[in-house]
C-alpha atoms as a PDB file:
ATOM      1  CA  UNK A   1       8.754  -6.189  13.376  1.00  0.00           C
ATOM      2  CA  UNK A   2       5.341  -4.428  13.784  1.00  0.00           C
ATOM      3  CA  UNK A   3       4.543  -0.841  12.947  1.00  0.00           C
ATOM      4  CA  UNK A   4       2.776   1.077  15.360  1.00  0.00           C
ATOM      5  CA  UNK A   5       0.215   3.770  13.987  1.00  0.00           C
ATOM      6  CA  UNK A   6       2.380   6.229  15.341  1.00  0.00           C
ATOM      7  CA  UNK A   7       5.107   4.939  13.600  1.00  0.00           C
ATOM      8  CA  UNK A   8       3.335   4.691  10.141  1.00  0.00           C
ATOM      9  CA  UNK A   9       2.436   8.470  10.785  1.00  0.00           C
ATOM     10  CA  UNK A  10       5.931   9.426  11.638  1.00  0.00           C
ATOM     11  CA  UNK A  11       7.622   7.757   8.407  1.00  0.00           C
ATOM     12  CA  UNK A  12       4.978   8.598   5.962  1.00  0.00           C
ATOM     13  CA  UNK A  13       6.138  12.067   5.042  1.00  0.00           C
ATOM     14  CA  UNK A  14       9.354  10.511   3.860  1.00  0.00           C
ATOM     15  CA  UNK A  15       7.308   8.938   1.182  1.00  0.00           C
ATOM     16  CA  UNK A  16       6.624  12.227  -0.522  1.00  0.00           C
ATOM     17  CA  UNK A  17      10.073  13.655  -0.148  1.00  0.00           C
ATOM     18  CA  UNK A  18      12.228  14.002  -3.430  1.00  0.00           C
ATOM     19  CA  UNK A  19      14.389  10.952  -3.718  1.00  0.00           C
ATOM     20  CA  UNK A  20      11.890   9.184  -1.326  1.00  0.00           C
ATOM     21  CA  UNK A  21      12.293   5.214  -1.155  1.00  0.00           C
ATOM     22  CA  UNK A  22      12.281   3.256  -4.125  1.00  0.00           C
ATOM     23  CA  UNK A  23      11.334  -0.077  -2.049  1.00  0.00           C
ATOM     24  CA  UNK A  24       8.912  -0.261   0.857  1.00  0.00           C
ATOM     25  CA  UNK A  25       8.903  -3.288   2.621  1.00  0.00           C
ATOM     26  CA  UNK A  26       5.847  -3.432   5.120  1.00  0.00           C
ATOM     27  CA  UNK A  27       5.806  -7.341   5.078  1.00  0.00           C
ATOM     28  CA  UNK A  28       3.842  -8.079   8.502  1.00  0.00           C
ATOM     29  CA  UNK A  29       4.282  -4.763   9.795  1.00  0.00           C
ATOM     30  CA  UNK A  30       0.718  -3.365   9.604  1.00  0.00           C
ATOM     31  CA  UNK A  31      -1.070  -6.044  11.428  1.00  0.00           C
ATOM     32  CA  UNK A  32      -1.271  -3.778  14.435  1.00  0.00           C
ATOM     33  CA  UNK A  33      -1.801  -0.667  12.311  1.00  0.00           C
ATOM     34  CA  UNK A  34      -4.653  -1.461  10.073  1.00  0.00           C
ATOM     35  CA  UNK A  35      -6.362   1.747  11.205  1.00  0.00           C
ATOM     36  CA  UNK A  36      -3.308   3.473   9.488  1.00  0.00           C
ATOM     37  CA  UNK A  37      -4.069   2.031   6.147  1.00  0.00           C
ATOM     38  CA  UNK A  38      -5.695   5.047   5.001  1.00  0.00           C
ATOM     39  CA  UNK A  39      -2.603   7.271   5.595  1.00  0.00           C
ATOM     40  CA  UNK A  40      -0.540   4.824   3.878  1.00  0.00           C
ATOM     41  CA  UNK A  41      -2.773   4.596   0.887  1.00  0.00           C
ATOM     42  CA  UNK A  42      -3.255   8.580   0.820  1.00  0.00           C
ATOM     43  CA  UNK A  43       0.646   8.725   0.429  1.00  0.00           C
ATOM     44  CA  UNK A  44       0.678   6.142  -2.238  1.00  0.00           C
ATOM     45  CA  UNK A  45      -1.934   7.966  -4.199  1.00  0.00           C
ATOM     46  CA  UNK A  46       0.046  11.202  -4.108  1.00  0.00           C
ATOM     47  CA  UNK A  47       1.896  12.463  -7.298  1.00  0.00           C
ATOM     48  CA  UNK A  48       5.044  12.848  -5.332  1.00  0.00           C
ATOM     49  CA  UNK A  49       5.231   9.375  -4.126  1.00  0.00           C
ATOM     50  CA  UNK A  50       8.457   7.604  -5.657  1.00  0.00           C
ATOM     51  CA  UNK A  51       7.821   4.153  -4.184  1.00  0.00           C
ATOM     52  CA  UNK A  52       7.998   1.684  -7.223  1.00  0.00           C
ATOM     53  CA  UNK A  53       8.152  -1.817  -5.142  1.00  0.00           C
ATOM     54  CA  UNK A  54       5.734  -2.500  -2.244  1.00  0.00           C
ATOM     55  CA  UNK A  55       5.657  -5.367  -0.124  1.00  0.00           C
ATOM     56  CA  UNK A  56       2.387  -5.506   1.667  1.00  0.00           C
ATOM     57  CA  UNK A  57       2.731  -9.339   2.470  1.00  0.00           C
ATOM     58  CA  UNK A  58       1.368 -11.071   5.721  1.00  0.00           C
ATOM     59  CA  UNK A  59      -0.544  -8.183   7.061  1.00  0.00           C
ATOM     60  CA  UNK A  60      -4.149 -10.046   7.325  1.00  0.00           C
ATOM     61  CA  UNK A  61      -5.554  -7.464   4.535  1.00  0.00           C
ATOM     62  CA  UNK A  62      -8.751  -8.813   3.483  1.00  0.00           C
ATOM     63  CA  UNK A  63     -11.474  -7.315   1.164  1.00  0.00           C
ATOM     64  CA  UNK A  64     -11.806  -3.974   3.098  1.00  0.00           C
ATOM     65  CA  UNK A  65      -8.328  -3.205   2.996  1.00  0.00           C
ATOM     66  CA  UNK A  66      -8.042  -4.288  -0.757  1.00  0.00           C
ATOM     67  CA  UNK A  67     -10.658  -1.641  -1.717  1.00  0.00           C
ATOM     68  CA  UNK A  68      -8.172   1.054  -0.357  1.00  0.00           C
ATOM     69  CA  UNK A  69      -5.089  -0.407  -1.850  1.00  0.00           C
ATOM     70  CA  UNK A  70      -6.904  -0.716  -5.258  1.00  0.00           C
ATOM     71  CA  UNK A  71      -8.173   3.013  -5.249  1.00  0.00           C
ATOM     72  CA  UNK A  72      -4.539   4.151  -4.421  1.00  0.00           C
ATOM     73  CA  UNK A  73      -3.053   2.057  -7.140  1.00  0.00           C
ATOM     74  CA  UNK A  74      -5.500   3.397  -9.630  1.00  0.00           C
ATOM     75  CA  UNK A  75      -3.752   6.885  -8.586  1.00  0.00           C
ATOM     76  CA  UNK A  76      -0.102   6.181  -8.158  1.00  0.00           C
ATOM     77  CA  UNK A  77       2.308   6.548 -11.044  1.00  0.00           C
ATOM     78  CA  UNK A  78       5.318   5.084  -9.730  1.00  0.00           C
ATOM     79  CA  UNK A  79       4.462   1.724  -8.368  1.00  0.00           C
ATOM     80  CA  UNK A  80       5.459  -1.055 -10.353  1.00  0.00           C
ATOM     81  CA  UNK A  81       5.680  -4.077  -8.240  1.00  0.00           C
ATOM     82  CA  UNK A  82       3.039  -5.186  -5.341  1.00  0.00           C
ATOM     83  CA  UNK A  83       3.390  -8.059  -3.139  1.00  0.00           C
ATOM     84  CA  UNK A  84       0.132  -8.778  -1.125  1.00  0.00           C
ATOM     85  CA  UNK A  85       0.872 -12.608  -0.665  1.00  0.00           C
ATOM     86  CA  UNK A  86      -0.142 -14.291   2.398  1.00  0.00           C
ATOM     87  CA  UNK A  87      -3.358 -11.946   2.960  1.00  0.00           C
ATOM     88  CA  UNK A  88      -6.800 -13.506   3.049  1.00  0.00           C
ATOM     89  CA  UNK A  89      -7.879 -11.262   0.093  1.00  0.00           C
ATOM     90  CA  UNK A  90     -10.264 -13.805  -1.446  1.00  0.00           C
ATOM     91  CA  UNK A  91     -11.423 -13.503  -4.900  1.00  0.00           C
ATOM     92  CA  UNK A  92     -13.123 -10.146  -4.410  1.00  0.00           C
ATOM     93  CA  UNK A  93     -10.144  -8.583  -2.730  1.00  0.00           C
ATOM     94  CA  UNK A  94      -7.914  -9.636  -5.460  1.00  0.00           C
ATOM     95  CA  UNK A  95     -10.528  -8.074  -7.807  1.00  0.00           C
ATOM     96  CA  UNK A  96     -10.088  -4.833  -6.196  1.00  0.00           C
ATOM     97  CA  UNK A  97      -6.549  -4.948  -6.622  1.00  0.00           C
ATOM     98  CA  UNK A  98      -6.578  -6.052 -10.300  1.00  0.00           C
ATOM     99  CA  UNK A  99      -9.124  -3.006 -10.971  1.00  0.00           C
ATOM    100  CA  UNK A 100      -6.698  -0.537  -9.399  1.00  0.00           C
ATOM    101  CA  UNK A 101      -4.088  -1.375 -11.511  1.00  0.00           C
ATOM    102  CA  UNK A 102      -6.219  -1.399 -14.511  1.00  0.00           C
ATOM    103  CA  UNK A 103      -7.690   1.748 -13.781  1.00  0.00           C
ATOM    104  CA  UNK A 104      -3.811   3.162 -13.563  1.00  0.00           C
ATOM    105  CA  UNK A 105      -3.439   2.574 -17.136  1.00  0.00           C
ATOM    106  CA  UNK A 106      -0.362   0.057 -16.492  1.00  0.00           C
END
């Protein structure tokens, strides 16, 4: 089901708790909460983030969203698997994410 902006804010603090989630499945959940993507990317970039598997598929993310995701990936140290399938990223959007992975040193 879709995640509202207030729902995303409410659960965000849990991403930084010690022993936080390993897997975060937000497939299709952010379609109505794209404005809150900045909160999610801030959490992903935080050194306390423990998420190693993230599913962001089916969220209608394009180039703008991929820039924020790529920047967060560059700073993240725990993420090992990212699913952005079925998003209209286009070549430049994919490039933004690949650049983030390259900058992370992984």
